[in-house]
Protein backbone atom coordinates (compact mmCIF):
# COMPACT_ATOMS: atom_id res chain seq x y z
CA MET A 1 0.19 -0.06 0.02
CA GLY A 2 2.39 2.46 0.86
CA SER A 3 5.85 2.11 -0.74
CA SER A 4 6.60 6.06 -0.75
CA VAL A 5 8.88 7.71 2.20
CA ARG A 6 7.29 9.88 4.32
CA THR A 7 9.17 12.53 6.79
CA ILE A 8 8.28 13.93 9.65
CA PRO A 9 9.65 17.70 10.29
CA GLN A 10 11.68 18.88 12.76
CA LYS A 11 9.77 20.57 15.73
CA GLU A 12 11.17 23.29 17.52
CA ILE A 13 9.52 24.37 21.19
CA THR A 14 10.88 26.91 23.18
CA VAL A 15 10.35 26.72 27.08
CA ASP A 16 10.94 28.98 29.97
CA PHE A 17 13.40 26.85 31.87
CA SER A 18 17.35 27.27 31.77
CA ILE A 19 18.89 24.95 29.96
CA GLU A 20 20.79 22.81 32.92
CA ASN A 21 17.06 22.33 34.31
CA VAL A 22 16.20 20.64 30.71
CA LYS A 23 18.78 18.84 30.03
CA SER A 24 18.15 17.08 33.38
CA ALA A 25 14.49 16.37 32.72
CA ILE A 26 15.61 14.96 29.39
CA LEU A 27 18.10 12.55 31.40
CA LYS A 28 15.23 11.66 33.58
CA LEU A 29 12.84 10.75 30.82
CA PRO A 30 13.65 7.09 31.04
CA LYS A 31 12.30 7.18 34.54
CA LEU A 32 9.42 8.23 33.59
CA LEU A 33 8.85 6.13 30.25
CA ASP A 34 9.35 2.63 30.20
CA SER A 35 9.97 2.44 26.32
CA CYS A 36 12.08 5.60 26.61
CA LYS A 37 15.99 5.04 27.13
CA VAL A 38 18.95 7.87 26.30
CA ILE A 39 20.98 5.88 23.83
CA ASN A 40 23.33 8.91 23.37
CA GLU A 41 24.81 12.35 25.43
CA ASP A 42 26.89 15.28 23.71
CA HIS A 43 27.39 17.83 26.75
CA VAL A 44 29.44 19.51 24.05
CA LEU A 45 27.13 20.05 21.98
CA LYS A 46 23.88 19.52 24.10
CA ILE A 47 22.44 16.92 22.16
CA TYR A 48 20.38 13.75 23.25
CA ASP A 49 19.53 10.88 21.06
CA LEU A 50 16.20 8.52 22.67
CA GLN A 51 15.03 5.60 21.79
CA PHE A 52 11.63 4.60 21.69
CA THR A 53 11.06 1.19 21.65
CA SER A 54 7.13 -0.13 20.77
CA PHE A 55 5.76 -3.52 20.59
CA MET A 56 7.93 -5.78 18.48
CA SER A 57 9.58 -3.05 17.03
CA LEU A 58 13.16 -0.98 17.39
CA GLY A 59 11.02 1.87 16.96
CA ASN A 60 12.30 5.53 16.74
CA LYS A 61 14.60 7.95 17.55
CA LEU A 62 14.42 11.21 18.59
CA SER A 63 17.25 13.38 18.80
CA ILE A 64 16.94 16.21 20.63
CA THR A 65 19.04 19.57 20.41
CA LEU A 66 19.19 21.90 23.29
CA THR A 67 20.01 26.28 22.62
CA GLU A 68 20.50 28.70 25.26
CA LEU A 69 18.41 31.41 24.58
CA SER A 70 18.87 33.34 27.33
CA GLU A 71 19.94 32.66 31.10
CA ASN A 72 15.88 31.23 31.80
CA LYS A 73 14.97 30.17 27.84
CA THR A 74 15.64 27.10 26.19
CA LYS A 75 14.86 26.24 22.35
CA ILE A 76 14.63 22.59 22.05
CA ILE A 77 14.94 20.96 18.46
CA VAL A 78 13.86 17.46 17.94
CA ASN A 79 14.32 15.72 14.60
CA THR A 80 12.70 11.77 14.46
CA THR A 81 14.08 9.21 12.69
CA ARG A 82 13.42 5.50 12.60
CA MET A 83 16.20 2.87 14.14
CA VAL A 84 16.32 0.76 11.36
CA GLY A 85 15.08 1.98 7.85
CA VAL A 86 12.39 4.79 6.76
CA PHE A 87 9.15 5.72 7.59
CA ASN A 88 7.20 3.90 4.95
CA GLU A 89 3.77 3.37 6.61
CA PRO A 90 1.11 5.93 7.88
CA ASN A 91 1.13 4.00 11.15
CA GLU A 92 4.38 4.28 11.68
CA VAL A 93 4.47 7.98 11.35
CA SER A 94 1.60 7.94 13.79
CA SER A 95 3.80 6.50 15.90
CA ALA A 96 6.92 8.56 15.54
CA ASN A 97 3.76 11.45 16.77
CA THR A 98 3.17 9.56 19.59
CA ASP A 99 6.43 8.84 20.90
CA TYR A 100 7.04 12.65 20.34
CA THR A 101 3.79 13.31 21.93
CA LYS A 102 4.86 11.56 24.97
CA MET A 103 8.27 12.96 25.41
CA THR A 104 6.94 16.44 25.62
CA GLN A 105 4.47 15.29 28.48
CA ALA A 106 6.44 13.83 30.28
CA LEU A 107 9.30 16.51 29.53
CA SER A 108 6.46 18.77 30.95
CA LYS A 109 6.21 17.19 34.26
CA LEU A 110 9.56 17.18 34.70
CA LEU A 111 9.92 20.89 34.47
CA SER A 112 7.11 22.00 36.28
CA ASN A 113 8.08 19.53 38.55
CA PRO A 114 11.58 19.48 39.46
CA ASN A 115 11.52 17.94 43.26
CA ILE A 116 9.77 14.81 41.66
CA THR A 117 10.55 11.66 43.73
CA GLU A 118 11.51 8.52 42.16
CA ASP A 119 8.40 7.27 43.49
CA GLU A 120 6.23 9.23 41.68
CA MET A 121 8.53 8.47 39.04
CA LYS A 122 7.76 5.36 39.00
CA GLN A 123 3.85 5.48 39.84
CA TYR A 124 3.57 7.72 36.66
CA SER A 125 5.43 5.03 34.21
CA LYS A 126 3.53 2.54 36.07
CA SER A 127 0.18 4.04 35.12
CA LYS A 128 1.41 4.45 31.57
CA SER A 129 2.35 0.96 31.90
CA ASN A 130 -0.71 -0.29 33.10
CA ALA A 131 -3.06 1.73 29.79
CA ASN A 132 -0.86 0.20 27.20
CA PHE A 133 -0.94 -3.62 28.77
CA HIS A 134 -4.99 -3.17 28.36
CA ILE A 135 -4.24 -2.27 24.82
CA VAL A 136 -2.43 -5.07 23.97
CA LEU A 137 -4.61 -7.47 25.69
CA PHE A 138 -7.32 -5.84 23.56
CA ILE A 139 -5.88 -6.43 20.34
CA ILE A 140 -4.70 -10.05 21.49
CA PHE A 141 -8.84 -9.90 22.29
CA ILE A 142 -9.42 -8.87 18.55
CA ILE A 143 -7.25 -10.82 16.84
CA ALA A 144 -8.28 -14.01 18.72
CA MET A 145 -12.23 -13.31 17.90
CA LEU A 146 -11.02 -12.54 14.00
CA TYR A 147 -9.16 -16.14 14.14
CA ILE A 148 -12.63 -17.51 15.36
CA PHE A 149 -14.74 -16.06 12.63
CA LEU A 150 -13.12 -16.27 9.96
CA SER A 151 -11.97 -19.84 10.45
């Protein structure tokens, strides 16, 4: 169906936090998001690569570049790529956009609450994992029902 290569435009956000606060929050993202891990940190160029894995996929890479605009203002530039290959299907682009949304929501939570405890991070992560588990169970149920009815 979709053999054309799709691209995801670079996204840019400006936040009213110091570059150090943003960097610290980015490095804490894996504590909030089970599907996320930091795969590269360049503190000199201020580039941080995050891998978002998904069910049966190596997932997407979000490459985040930070630029200090002022003492309390930071520009965040996010480039999204596939860990392997390119975006061929609409669902791959949708998955990448979902990863971007998860990242920005978690980053916002960390920036707005810099004193968040380990327990609060685990609770947030657990609530997200439970939602994903229910979605996977529902998909398995639908596939099983289709198999039964189509057999």
